[in-house]
Amino acid sequence: MAATAKRASKRKGSTIAREGDDNAADDDGDGDVADGAVDVEDAAARDEDDDEAGGERGANGSYVGVRDADVGELSTQYTQRAEAQEALEGGKMSREEVDRLVAEVMRFMLFMTHKENGAPVTRTKIGECIAAAGGAGGKSRGGSYIVALAQKRFLEIFGFEMVECSKAQSRNRKQPKTVEAASAAPVKCYALRSVLPAQMRRKYVDKAEDLPERALAMVVSALVQIASGCIREDALFEQLSKLGINKDEHHPKFGDVQELLGHLVKRRVFLRERAAHDDPSQGYCFELAEGAVTLIGYDNIDKFVTDVMRTQRA
């Protein structure tokens, strides 16, 4: 496994450099990369070539870690979910109350997404928002219906998917003491992600100053996956050092790497937990958290690793 990670890390170093400059990765290997630098003129030329393809879904080969969502399929999915919840709970509130509560949930999601830098919002907090607005909040009086309608309207109005995920828990956590705690359902969370075509996001939405963070998140996520979902912190930095990213040195693209990783932990992209909950001397491990689903997506992480391995074999 260590040898696999070592082979993958060499190729990933080029990927970080390309994402950190103009995020113009060259899948055909035509870009000239020397000492971690990318040819900016070539990157600019590729940006111009992508203009016509920018509105087409599926044209995201040069934008690593961003998927093109099938908006039609998502719209059908959320419409059916809202209709199903309406049949169960919709008759308990007037149309005016429903519209008011949906608007409150949407405002709350936008506010919390901005405040928490994209970290997922728990269903409990959304329920508290509904209750504070004078609504039901709980499942017994339409809370699930309000959330389902908010998901549908986010997609129709803002081009956001209000994606549902479960709050991640470390595999190294202290085990619950009771059967009830052990069998408790995972905490439900929601996060917003754009459903714009990848190239439109790249040109018009994503900020250049955010690209280094996303690039580092992509590579660390890949290393976590290669390590079977959990990598010790010292092993992680050992692999990153082979890419010129050192724990205690300021990086020209990423700055303070430990601080940047800490920010990703706060955003719930990664979990950083003790390797052994009852033995602090064992250090820490990194695992993927629920934010990785919305920022990158497990499928994109696996595709990135596969592409790197295929390139190495070639």
C-alpha atoms as a PDB file:
ATOM      1  CA  MET A   1       0.000   0.000   0.000  1.00  0.00           C
ATOM      2  CA  ALA A   2       2.826   2.382   0.834  1.00  0.00           C
ATOM      3  CA  ALA A   3       4.417   1.642  -2.532  1.00  0.00           C
ATOM      4  CA  THR A   4       1.117   2.349  -4.279  1.00  0.00           C
ATOM      5  CA  ALA A   5       0.772   5.671  -2.500  1.00  0.00           C
ATOM      6  CA  LYS A   6       4.364   6.523  -3.415  1.00  0.00           C
ATOM      7  CA  ARG A   7       3.730   5.882  -7.120  1.00  0.00           C
ATOM      8  CA  ALA A   8       0.508   7.886  -7.022  1.00  0.00           C
ATOM      9  CA  SER A   9       2.060  10.819  -5.195  1.00  0.00           C
ATOM     10  CA  LYS A  10       4.510  11.634  -8.008  1.00  0.00           C
ATOM     11  CA  ARG A  11       1.718  12.211 -10.491  1.00  0.00           C
ATOM     12  CA  LYS A  12      -0.378  14.057  -7.911  1.00  0.00           C
ATOM     13  CA  GLY A  13       2.373  16.634  -7.494  1.00  0.00           C
ATOM     14  CA  SER A  14       1.768  17.793 -11.054  1.00  0.00           C
ATOM     15  CA  THR A  15      -1.964  17.871 -10.443  1.00  0.00           C
ATOM     16  CA  ILE A  16      -1.545  20.162  -7.426  1.00  0.00           C
ATOM     17  CA  ALA A  17       0.621  22.555  -9.399  1.00  0.00           C
ATOM     18  CA  ARG A  18      -1.849  22.744 -12.248  1.00  0.00           C
ATOM     19  CA  GLU A  19      -4.833  23.276  -9.954  1.00  0.00           C
ATOM     20  CA  GLY A  20      -2.965  25.812  -7.837  1.00  0.00           C
ATOM     21  CA  ASP A  21      -2.158  28.097 -10.803  1.00  0.00           C
ATOM     22  CA  ASP A  22      -5.117  28.292 -13.171  1.00  0.00           C
ATOM     23  CA  ASN A  23      -6.706  24.912 -12.430  1.00  0.00           C
ATOM     24  CA  ALA A  24      -5.982  24.039 -16.027  1.00  0.00           C
ATOM     25  CA  ALA A  25      -5.015  20.374 -15.783  1.00  0.00           C
ATOM     26  CA  ASP A  26      -3.984  18.788 -19.080  1.00  0.00           C
ATOM     27  CA  ASP A  27      -5.313  15.239 -19.253  1.00  0.00           C
ATOM     28  CA  ASP A  28      -3.343  14.476 -22.435  1.00  0.00           C
ATOM     29  CA  GLY A  29      -0.026  15.256 -20.773  1.00  0.00           C
ATOM     30  CA  ASP A  30       0.741  18.080 -23.247  1.00  0.00           C
ATOM     31  CA  GLY A  31       1.308  20.755 -20.583  1.00  0.00           C
ATOM     32  CA  ASP A  32       4.896  21.678 -19.822  1.00  0.00           C
ATOM     33  CA  VAL A  33       5.473  21.341 -16.095  1.00  0.00           C
ATOM     34  CA  ALA A  34       8.912  22.025 -14.635  1.00  0.00           C
ATOM     35  CA  ASP A  35       9.789  22.225 -10.941  1.00  0.00           C
ATOM     36  CA  GLY A  36       6.121  22.442  -9.951  1.00  0.00           C
ATOM     37  CA  ALA A  37       5.322  25.334 -12.330  1.00  0.00           C
ATOM     38  CA  VAL A  38       2.726  25.346 -15.097  1.00  0.00           C
ATOM     39  CA  ASP A  39       2.879  27.095 -18.483  1.00  0.00           C
ATOM     40  CA  VAL A  40       0.426  29.939 -17.877  1.00  0.00           C
ATOM     41  CA  GLU A  41       0.136  30.841 -21.567  1.00  0.00           C
ATOM     42  CA  ASP A  42      -0.867  27.276 -22.426  1.00  0.00           C
ATOM     43  CA  ALA A  43      -3.369  27.331 -19.564  1.00  0.00           C
ATOM     44  CA  ALA A  44      -4.891  30.569 -20.846  1.00  0.00           C
ATOM     45  CA  ALA A  45      -5.152  29.082 -24.332  1.00  0.00           C
ATOM     46  CA  ARG A  46      -6.965  26.055 -22.949  1.00  0.00           C
ATOM     47  CA  ASP A  47      -9.369  28.353 -21.099  1.00  0.00           C
ATOM     48  CA  GLU A  48     -10.277  30.033 -24.380  1.00  0.00           C
ATOM     49  CA  ASP A  49     -10.752  26.637 -26.052  1.00  0.00           C
ATOM     50  CA  ASP A  50     -13.155  25.668 -23.262  1.00  0.00           C
ATOM     51  CA  ASP A  51     -15.425  28.703 -23.807  1.00  0.00           C
ATOM     52  CA  GLU A  52     -17.654  26.994 -26.343  1.00  0.00           C
ATOM     53  CA  ALA A  53     -17.801  23.812 -24.281  1.00  0.00           C
ATOM     54  CA  GLY A  54     -18.420  25.739 -21.082  1.00  0.00           C
ATOM     55  CA  GLY A  55     -22.180  25.319 -21.201  1.00  0.00           C
ATOM     56  CA  GLU A  56     -22.113  21.655 -22.152  1.00  0.00           C
ATOM     57  CA  ARG A  57     -22.420  18.995 -19.503  1.00  0.00           C
ATOM     58  CA  GLY A  58     -19.750  16.350 -19.536  1.00  0.00           C
ATOM     59  CA  ALA A  59     -17.039  18.764 -20.776  1.00  0.00           C
ATOM     60  CA  ASN A  60     -15.178  18.740 -17.485  1.00  0.00           C
ATOM     61  CA  GLY A  61     -12.148  16.624 -18.334  1.00  0.00           C
ATOM     62  CA  SER A  62      -9.754  19.435 -17.386  1.00  0.00           C
ATOM     63  CA  TYR A  63     -11.444  20.321 -14.111  1.00  0.00           C
ATOM     64  CA  VAL A  64     -10.316  17.701 -11.644  1.00  0.00           C
ATOM     65  CA  GLY A  65     -12.720  16.692  -8.904  1.00  0.00           C
ATOM     66  CA  VAL A  66     -15.859  18.421 -10.236  1.00  0.00           C
ATOM     67  CA  ARG A  67     -18.724  16.376 -11.535  1.00  0.00           C
ATOM     68  CA  ASP A  68     -21.403  17.321 -14.055  1.00  0.00           C
ATOM     69  CA  ALA A  69     -24.749  16.665 -12.408  1.00  0.00           C
ATOM     70  CA  ASP A  70     -27.723  15.363 -14.374  1.00  0.00           C
ATOM     71  CA  VAL A  71     -30.071  18.237 -13.539  1.00  0.00           C
ATOM     72  CA  GLY A  72     -33.074  16.588 -15.183  1.00  0.00           C
ATOM     73  CA  GLU A  73     -32.647  13.480 -13.067  1.00  0.00           C
ATOM     74  CA  LEU A  74     -32.124  15.537  -9.902  1.00  0.00           C
ATOM     75  CA  SER A  75     -35.213  17.637 -10.648  1.00  0.00           C
ATOM     76  CA  THR A  76     -37.324  14.515 -11.057  1.00  0.00           C
ATOM     77  CA  GLN A  77     -35.891  13.016  -7.884  1.00  0.00           C
ATOM     78  CA  TYR A  78     -36.575  16.067  -5.695  1.00  0.00           C
ATOM     79  CA  THR A  79     -39.997  16.691  -7.252  1.00  0.00           C
ATOM     80  CA  GLN A  80     -41.067  13.125  -6.484  1.00  0.00           C
ATOM     81  CA  ARG A  81     -39.705  13.400  -2.955  1.00  0.00           C
ATOM     82  CA  ALA A  82     -41.605  16.646  -2.345  1.00  0.00           C
ATOM     83  CA  GLU A  83     -44.821  15.137  -3.731  1.00  0.00           C
ATOM     84  CA  ALA A  84     -44.445  12.065  -1.527  1.00  0.00           C
ATOM     85  CA  GLN A  85     -43.925  14.193   1.578  1.00  0.00           C
ATOM     86  CA  GLU A  86     -46.846  16.421   0.605  1.00  0.00           C
ATOM     87  CA  ALA A  87     -49.110  13.377   0.537  1.00  0.00           C
ATOM     88  CA  LEU A  88     -47.983  12.513   4.065  1.00  0.00           C
ATOM     89  CA  GLU A  89     -47.673  15.929   5.689  1.00  0.00           C
ATOM     90  CA  GLY A  90     -48.757  18.670   3.300  1.00  0.00           C
ATOM     91  CA  GLY A  91     -52.351  18.876   4.478  1.00  0.00           C
ATOM     92  CA  LYS A  92     -51.304  19.886   8.001  1.00  0.00           C
ATOM     93  CA  MET A  93     -50.353  23.448   6.973  1.00  0.00           C
ATOM     94  CA  SER A  94     -51.777  26.148   4.755  1.00  0.00           C
ATOM     95  CA  ARG A  95     -50.043  27.040   1.490  1.00  0.00           C
ATOM     96  CA  GLU A  96     -49.026  30.416   2.938  1.00  0.00           C
ATOM     97  CA  GLU A  97     -47.379  28.772   5.949  1.00  0.00           C
ATOM     98  CA  VAL A  98     -45.592  26.254   3.751  1.00  0.00           C
ATOM     99  CA  ASP A  99     -44.183  28.965   1.461  1.00  0.00           C
ATOM    100  CA  ARG A 100     -43.059  31.050   4.434  1.00  0.00           C
ATOM    101  CA  LEU A 101     -41.288  28.149   6.120  1.00  0.00           C
ATOM    102  CA  VAL A 102     -39.600  26.987   2.916  1.00  0.00           C
ATOM    103  CA  ALA A 103     -38.299  30.526   2.393  1.00  0.00           C
ATOM    104  CA  GLU A 104     -36.961  30.553   5.964  1.00  0.00           C
ATOM    105  CA  VAL A 105     -35.159  27.233   5.475  1.00  0.00           C
ATOM    106  CA  MET A 106     -33.619  28.450   2.212  1.00  0.00           C
ATOM    107  CA  ARG A 107     -32.414  31.686   3.812  1.00  0.00           C
ATOM    108  CA  PHE A 108     -31.014  29.733   6.747  1.00  0.00           C
ATOM    109  CA  MET A 109     -29.133  27.326   4.455  1.00  0.00           C
ATOM    110  CA  LEU A 110     -27.623  30.195   2.451  1.00  0.00           C
ATOM    111  CA  PHE A 111     -26.594  32.017   5.622  1.00  0.00           C
ATOM    112  CA  MET A 112     -25.073  28.945   7.293  1.00  0.00           C
ATOM    113  CA  THR A 113     -23.266  27.898   4.110  1.00  0.00           C
ATOM    114  CA  HIS A 114     -21.617  31.314   3.961  1.00  0.00           C
ATOM    115  CA  LYS A 115     -20.908  31.446   7.687  1.00  0.00           C
ATOM    116  CA  GLU A 116     -19.437  27.928   7.912  1.00  0.00           C
ATOM    117  CA  ASN A 117     -17.577  28.054   4.568  1.00  0.00           C
ATOM    118  CA  GLY A 118     -19.689  25.331   3.026  1.00  0.00           C
ATOM    119  CA  ALA A 119     -19.747  22.892   5.954  1.00  0.00           C
ATOM    120  CA  PRO A 120     -22.904  20.737   6.028  1.00  0.00           C
ATOM    121  CA  VAL A 121     -25.785  21.863   8.272  1.00  0.00           C
ATOM    122  CA  THR A 122     -27.397  19.340  10.591  1.00  0.00           C
ATOM    123  CA  ARG A 123     -31.085  18.486  10.273  1.00  0.00           C
ATOM    124  CA  THR A 124     -31.473  19.423  13.935  1.00  0.00           C
ATOM    125  CA  LYS A 125     -30.424  23.012  13.247  1.00  0.00           C
ATOM    126  CA  ILE A 126     -32.809  23.205  10.300  1.00  0.00           C
ATOM    127  CA  GLY A 127     -35.597  21.944  12.565  1.00  0.00           C
ATOM    128  CA  GLU A 128     -34.706  24.645  15.104  1.00  0.00           C
ATOM    129  CA  CYS A 129     -34.910  27.238  12.311  1.00  0.00           C
ATOM    130  CA  ILE A 130     -38.395  26.033  11.352  1.00  0.00           C
ATOM    131  CA  ALA A 131     -39.522  26.066  14.985  1.00  0.00           C
ATOM    132  CA  ALA A 132     -38.100  29.575  15.533  1.00  0.00           C
ATOM    133  CA  ALA A 133     -40.033  30.771  12.492  1.00  0.00           C
ATOM    134  CA  GLY A 134     -43.219  29.550  14.105  1.00  0.00           C
ATOM    135  CA  GLY A 135     -43.484  26.287  12.223  1.00  0.00           C
ATOM    136  CA  ALA A 136     -43.451  22.629  13.058  1.00  0.00           C
ATOM    137  CA  GLY A 137     -39.799  21.713  12.923  1.00  0.00           C
ATOM    138  CA  GLY A 138     -40.402  18.137  13.956  1.00  0.00           C
ATOM    139  CA  LYS A 139     -41.340  15.233  11.721  1.00  0.00           C
ATOM    140  CA  SER A 140     -44.812  15.058  13.213  1.00  0.00           C
ATOM    141  CA  ARG A 141     -45.962  18.324  11.644  1.00  0.00           C
ATOM    142  CA  GLY A 142     -44.376  18.729   8.263  1.00  0.00           C
ATOM    143  CA  GLY A 143     -40.661  19.302   8.855  1.00  0.00           C
ATOM    144  CA  SER A 144     -39.657  16.702   6.271  1.00  0.00           C
ATOM    145  CA  TYR A 145     -42.094  18.204   3.757  1.00  0.00           C
ATOM    146  CA  ILE A 146     -40.577  21.679   4.220  1.00  0.00           C
ATOM    147  CA  VAL A 147     -37.058  20.325   3.701  1.00  0.00           C
ATOM    148  CA  ALA A 148     -38.116  18.384   0.588  1.00  0.00           C
ATOM    149  CA  LEU A 149     -39.709  21.502  -0.910  1.00  0.00           C
ATOM    150  CA  ALA A 150     -36.607  23.547  -0.100  1.00  0.00           C
ATOM    151  CA  GLN A 151     -34.478  20.968  -1.947  1.00  0.00           C
ATOM    152  CA  LYS A 152     -36.753  21.215  -4.987  1.00  0.00           C
ATOM    153  CA  ARG A 153     -36.780  25.022  -5.033  1.00  0.00           C
ATOM    154  CA  PHE A 154     -33.022  25.382  -4.509  1.00  0.00           C
ATOM    155  CA  LEU A 155     -32.533  23.373  -7.687  1.00  0.00           C
ATOM    156  CA  GLU A 156     -35.136  25.323  -9.674  1.00  0.00           C
ATOM    157  CA  ILE A 157     -34.276  28.845  -8.494  1.00  0.00           C
ATOM    158  CA  PHE A 158     -30.588  28.930  -7.555  1.00  0.00           C
ATOM    159  CA  GLY A 159     -29.087  25.972  -9.406  1.00  0.00           C
ATOM    160  CA  PHE A 160     -28.005  24.439  -6.087  1.00  0.00           C
ATOM    161  CA  GLU A 161     -28.473  20.886  -4.936  1.00  0.00           C
ATOM    162  CA  MET A 162     -29.325  20.718  -1.242  1.00  0.00           C
ATOM    163  CA  VAL A 163     -27.710  17.337  -0.853  1.00  0.00           C
ATOM    164  CA  GLU A 164     -28.424  15.076   2.100  1.00  0.00           C
ATOM    165  CA  CYS A 165     -25.593  13.226   3.824  1.00  0.00           C
ATOM    166  CA  SER A 166     -24.878  11.572   7.163  1.00  0.00           C
ATOM    167  CA  LYS A 167     -22.453  13.069   9.660  1.00  0.00           C
ATOM    168  CA  ALA A 168     -19.259  11.038   9.566  1.00  0.00           C
ATOM    169  CA  GLN A 169     -17.833   9.395  12.667  1.00  0.00           C
ATOM    170  CA  SER A 170     -14.263   8.281  13.124  1.00  0.00           C
ATOM    171  CA  ARG A 171     -13.622   4.558  13.081  1.00  0.00           C
ATOM    172  CA  ASN A 172     -11.289   5.145  16.038  1.00  0.00           C
ATOM    173  CA  ARG A 173     -13.909   6.793  18.242  1.00  0.00           C
ATOM    174  CA  LYS A 174     -14.778   5.488  21.669  1.00  0.00           C
ATOM    175  CA  GLN A 175     -17.442   2.841  21.365  1.00  0.00           C
ATOM    176  CA  PRO A 176     -20.932   3.619  22.772  1.00  0.00           C
ATOM    177  CA  LYS A 177     -21.688   2.171  26.198  1.00  0.00           C
ATOM    178  CA  THR A 178     -25.348   1.340  25.579  1.00  0.00           C
ATOM    179  CA  VAL A 179     -27.202  -0.633  22.909  1.00  0.00           C
ATOM    180  CA  GLU A 180     -29.429   2.376  22.243  1.00  0.00           C
ATOM    181  CA  ALA A 181     -26.466   4.640  21.554  1.00  0.00           C
ATOM    182  CA  ALA A 182     -24.821   2.029  19.335  1.00  0.00           C
ATOM    183  CA  SER A 183     -27.966   1.547  17.255  1.00  0.00           C
ATOM    184  CA  ALA A 184     -28.821   5.246  16.961  1.00  0.00           C
ATOM    185  CA  ALA A 185     -29.308   6.507  13.416  1.00  0.00           C
ATOM    186  CA  PRO A 186     -26.527   8.707  11.990  1.00  0.00           C
ATOM    187  CA  VAL A 187     -27.011  12.461  12.278  1.00  0.00           C
ATOM    188  CA  LYS A 188     -28.536  13.772   9.060  1.00  0.00           C
ATOM    189  CA  CYS A 189     -26.921  16.820   7.398  1.00  0.00           C
ATOM    190  CA  TYR A 190     -27.516  18.989   4.328  1.00  0.00           C
ATOM    191  CA  ALA A 191     -25.095  20.980   2.193  1.00  0.00           C
ATOM    192  CA  LEU A 192     -25.387  23.141  -0.911  1.00  0.00           C
ATOM    193  CA  ARG A 193     -23.420  22.423  -4.070  1.00  0.00           C
ATOM    194  CA  SER A 194     -23.682  23.941  -7.517  1.00  0.00           C
ATOM    195  CA  VAL A 195     -25.181  21.953 -10.389  1.00  0.00           C
ATOM    196  CA  LEU A 196     -23.775  24.278 -13.051  1.00  0.00           C
ATOM    197  CA  PRO A 197     -21.701  22.541 -15.742  1.00  0.00           C
ATOM    198  CA  ALA A 198     -18.133  22.130 -14.515  1.00  0.00           C
ATOM    199  CA  GLN A 199     -16.616  24.484 -17.077  1.00  0.00           C
ATOM    200  CA  MET A 200     -19.123  27.244 -16.248  1.00  0.00           C
ATOM    201  CA  ARG A 201     -18.226  26.856 -12.575  1.00  0.00           C
ATOM    202  CA  ARG A 202     -14.567  27.056 -13.451  1.00  0.00           C
ATOM    203  CA  LYS A 203     -14.910  30.247 -15.499  1.00  0.00           C
ATOM    204  CA  TYR A 204     -17.644  32.166 -13.697  1.00  0.00           C
ATOM    205  CA  VAL A 205     -18.198  30.849 -10.168  1.00  0.00           C
ATOM    206  CA  ASP A 206     -15.158  29.338  -8.462  1.00  0.00           C
ATOM    207  CA  LYS A 207     -12.667  31.859  -7.116  1.00  0.00           C
ATOM    208  CA  ALA A 208      -8.998  31.595  -8.035  1.00  0.00           C
ATOM    209  CA  GLU A 209      -7.978  32.093  -4.404  1.00  0.00           C
ATOM    210  CA  ASP A 210      -9.971  28.969  -3.416  1.00  0.00           C
ATOM    211  CA  LEU A 211      -8.281  26.663  -5.915  1.00  0.00           C
ATOM    212  CA  PRO A 212      -5.214  25.766  -3.793  1.00  0.00           C
ATOM    213  CA  GLU A 213      -7.479  24.599  -0.962  1.00  0.00           C
ATOM    214  CA  ARG A 214      -9.550  22.469  -3.311  1.00  0.00           C
ATOM    215  CA  ALA A 215      -6.392  21.062  -4.903  1.00  0.00           C
ATOM    216  CA  LEU A 216      -4.953  20.055  -1.540  1.00  0.00           C
ATOM    217  CA  ALA A 217      -8.303  18.573  -0.514  1.00  0.00           C
ATOM    218  CA  MET A 218      -8.312  16.498  -3.696  1.00  0.00           C
ATOM    219  CA  VAL A 219      -4.833  15.063  -3.134  1.00  0.00           C
ATOM    220  CA  VAL A 220      -5.290  14.396   0.588  1.00  0.00           C
ATOM    221  CA  SER A 221      -8.640  12.729  -0.145  1.00  0.00           C
ATOM    222  CA  ALA A 222      -6.910  10.469  -2.667  1.00  0.00           C
ATOM    223  CA  LEU A 223      -4.200   9.548  -0.157  1.00  0.00           C
ATOM    224  CA  VAL A 224      -6.872   8.737   2.433  1.00  0.00           C
ATOM    225  CA  GLN A 225      -8.655   6.484  -0.055  1.00  0.00           C
ATOM    226  CA  ILE A 226      -5.426   4.721  -1.000  1.00  0.00           C
ATOM    227  CA  ALA A 227      -4.837   4.092   2.712  1.00  0.00           C
ATOM    228  CA  SER A 228      -8.199   2.294   2.972  1.00  0.00           C
ATOM    229  CA  GLY A 229     -10.059   5.301   4.353  1.00  0.00           C
ATOM    230  CA  CYS A 230      -7.766   6.259   7.242  1.00  0.00           C
ATOM    231  CA  ILE A 231      -4.198   7.570   7.156  1.00  0.00           C
ATOM    232  CA  ARG A 232      -1.977   8.448  10.085  1.00  0.00           C
ATOM    233  CA  GLU A 233      -0.964  12.103  10.187  1.00  0.00           C
ATOM    234  CA  ASP A 234       2.756  11.323  10.072  1.00  0.00           C
ATOM    235  CA  ALA A 235       2.237   9.043   7.049  1.00  0.00           C
ATOM    236  CA  LEU A 236       0.188  11.734   5.323  1.00  0.00           C
ATOM    237  CA  PHE A 237       2.919  14.345   5.697  1.00  0.00           C
ATOM    238  CA  GLU A 238       5.513  11.800   4.615  1.00  0.00           C
ATOM    239  CA  GLN A 239       3.644  11.420   1.319  1.00  0.00           C
ATOM    240  CA  LEU A 240       3.042  15.158   0.955  1.00  0.00           C
ATOM    241  CA  SER A 241       6.744  15.872   1.515  1.00  0.00           C
ATOM    242  CA  LYS A 242       7.464  13.909  -1.666  1.00  0.00           C
ATOM    243  CA  LEU A 243       5.369  16.528  -3.477  1.00  0.00           C
ATOM    244  CA  GLY A 244       7.342  19.385  -1.942  1.00  0.00           C
ATOM    245  CA  ILE A 245       4.697  20.053   0.733  1.00  0.00           C
ATOM    246  CA  ASN A 246       6.370  20.056   4.135  1.00  0.00           C
ATOM    247  CA  LYS A 247       4.602  20.222   7.470  1.00  0.00           C
ATOM    248  CA  ASP A 248       6.621  23.029   9.035  1.00  0.00           C
ATOM    249  CA  GLU A 249       7.470  25.060   5.933  1.00  0.00           C
ATOM    250  CA  HIS A 250       5.522  27.818   4.194  1.00  0.00           C
ATOM    251  CA  HIS A 251       4.408  26.645   0.757  1.00  0.00           C
ATOM    252  CA  PRO A 252       4.250  29.173  -2.137  1.00  0.00           C
ATOM    253  CA  LYS A 253       0.772  28.007  -3.146  1.00  0.00           C
ATOM    254  CA  PHE A 254      -0.759  26.604   0.028  1.00  0.00           C
ATOM    255  CA  GLY A 255       0.876  28.811   2.638  1.00  0.00           C
ATOM    256  CA  ASP A 256       0.727  27.183   6.072  1.00  0.00           C
ATOM    257  CA  VAL A 257      -0.271  23.627   5.154  1.00  0.00           C
ATOM    258  CA  GLN A 258      -1.268  22.660   8.695  1.00  0.00           C
ATOM    259  CA  GLU A 259      -3.517  25.711   8.914  1.00  0.00           C
ATOM    260  CA  LEU A 260      -5.084  24.898   5.543  1.00  0.00           C
ATOM    261  CA  LEU A 261      -5.733  21.314   6.599  1.00  0.00           C
ATOM    262  CA  GLY A 262      -7.225  22.612   9.841  1.00  0.00           C
ATOM    263  CA  HIS A 263      -9.608  24.762   7.790  1.00  0.00           C
ATOM    264  CA  LEU A 264     -10.670  21.694   5.801  1.00  0.00           C
ATOM    265  CA  VAL A 265     -11.296  19.855   9.067  1.00  0.00           C
ATOM    266  CA  LYS A 266     -13.545  22.724  10.225  1.00  0.00           C
ATOM    267  CA  ARG A 267     -15.420  22.497   6.941  1.00  0.00           C
ATOM    268  CA  ARG A 268     -15.986  18.804   7.681  1.00  0.00           C
ATOM    269  CA  VAL A 269     -14.082  17.688   4.594  1.00  0.00           C
ATOM    270  CA  PHE A 270     -11.775  15.644   6.823  1.00  0.00           C
ATOM    271  CA  LEU A 271     -11.883  14.155  10.291  1.00  0.00           C
ATOM    272  CA  ARG A 272      -8.741  14.505  12.368  1.00  0.00           C
ATOM    273  CA  GLU A 273      -9.095  12.206  15.345  1.00  0.00           C
ATOM    274  CA  ARG A 274      -6.778  10.320  17.676  1.00  0.00           C
ATOM    275  CA  ALA A 275      -5.457   7.088  16.192  1.00  0.00           C
ATOM    276  CA  ALA A 276      -6.460   5.435  19.476  1.00  0.00           C
ATOM    277  CA  HIS A 277      -9.046   7.254  21.592  1.00  0.00           C
ATOM    278  CA  ASP A 278      -7.512   5.978  24.823  1.00  0.00           C
ATOM    279  CA  ASP A 279      -3.835   6.477  23.923  1.00  0.00           C
ATOM    280  CA  PRO A 280      -2.748  10.046  23.023  1.00  0.00           C
ATOM    281  CA  SER A 281       0.779   8.846  22.249  1.00  0.00           C
ATOM    282  CA  GLN A 282      -0.515   7.148  19.092  1.00  0.00           C
ATOM    283  CA  GLY A 283      -0.999  10.520  17.392  1.00  0.00           C
ATOM    284  CA  TYR A 284      -3.753  11.463  14.943  1.00  0.00           C
ATOM    285  CA  CYS A 285      -5.354  10.061  11.800  1.00  0.00           C
ATOM    286  CA  PHE A 286      -7.144  11.695   8.882  1.00  0.00           C
ATOM    287  CA  GLU A 287     -10.396  10.306   7.476  1.00  0.00           C
ATOM    288  CA  LEU A 288     -12.964  11.613   5.005  1.00  0.00           C
ATOM    289  CA  ALA A 289     -15.900  13.484   6.523  1.00  0.00           C
ATOM    290  CA  GLU A 290     -19.325  14.265   5.077  1.00  0.00           C
ATOM    291  CA  GLY A 291     -18.061  17.521   3.534  1.00  0.00           C
ATOM    292  CA  ALA A 292     -15.957  15.477   1.124  1.00  0.00           C
ATOM    293  CA  VAL A 293     -19.216  14.326  -0.470  1.00  0.00           C
ATOM    294  CA  THR A 294     -20.220  17.882  -1.358  1.00  0.00           C
ATOM    295  CA  LEU A 295     -16.820  19.452  -2.097  1.00  0.00           C
ATOM    296  CA  ILE A 296     -15.466  16.590  -4.200  1.00  0.00           C
ATOM    297  CA  GLY A 297     -17.606  13.457  -4.139  1.00  0.00           C
ATOM    298  CA  TYR A 298     -16.431   9.912  -3.554  1.00  0.00           C
ATOM    299  CA  ASP A 299     -16.806   9.016  -7.237  1.00  0.00           C
ATOM    300  CA  ASN A 300     -14.507  11.869  -8.247  1.00  0.00           C
ATOM    301  CA  ILE A 301     -11.910  10.822  -5.662  1.00  0.00           C
ATOM    302  CA  ASP A 302     -11.924   7.253  -6.969  1.00  0.00           C
ATOM    303  CA  LYS A 303     -11.728   8.495 -10.569  1.00  0.00           C
ATOM    304  CA  PHE A 304      -8.784  10.731  -9.678  1.00  0.00           C
ATOM    305  CA  VAL A 305      -6.901   7.820  -8.095  1.00  0.00           C
ATOM    306  CA  THR A 306      -7.704   5.561 -11.078  1.00  0.00           C
ATOM    307  CA  ASP A 307      -6.532   8.180 -13.579  1.00  0.00           C
ATOM    308  CA  VAL A 308      -3.296   8.670 -11.666  1.00  0.00           C
ATOM    309  CA  MET A 309      -2.621   4.938 -11.534  1.00  0.00           C
ATOM    310  CA  ARG A 310      -3.425   4.528 -15.232  1.00  0.00           C
ATOM    311  CA  THR A 311      -1.000   7.323 -16.089  1.00  0.00           C
ATOM    312  CA  GLN A 312       1.721   5.709 -13.961  1.00  0.00           C
ATOM    313  CA  ARG A 313       1.272   2.369 -15.699  1.00  0.00           C
ATOM    314  CA  ALA A 314       1.397   4.075 -19.109  1.00  0.00           C
END
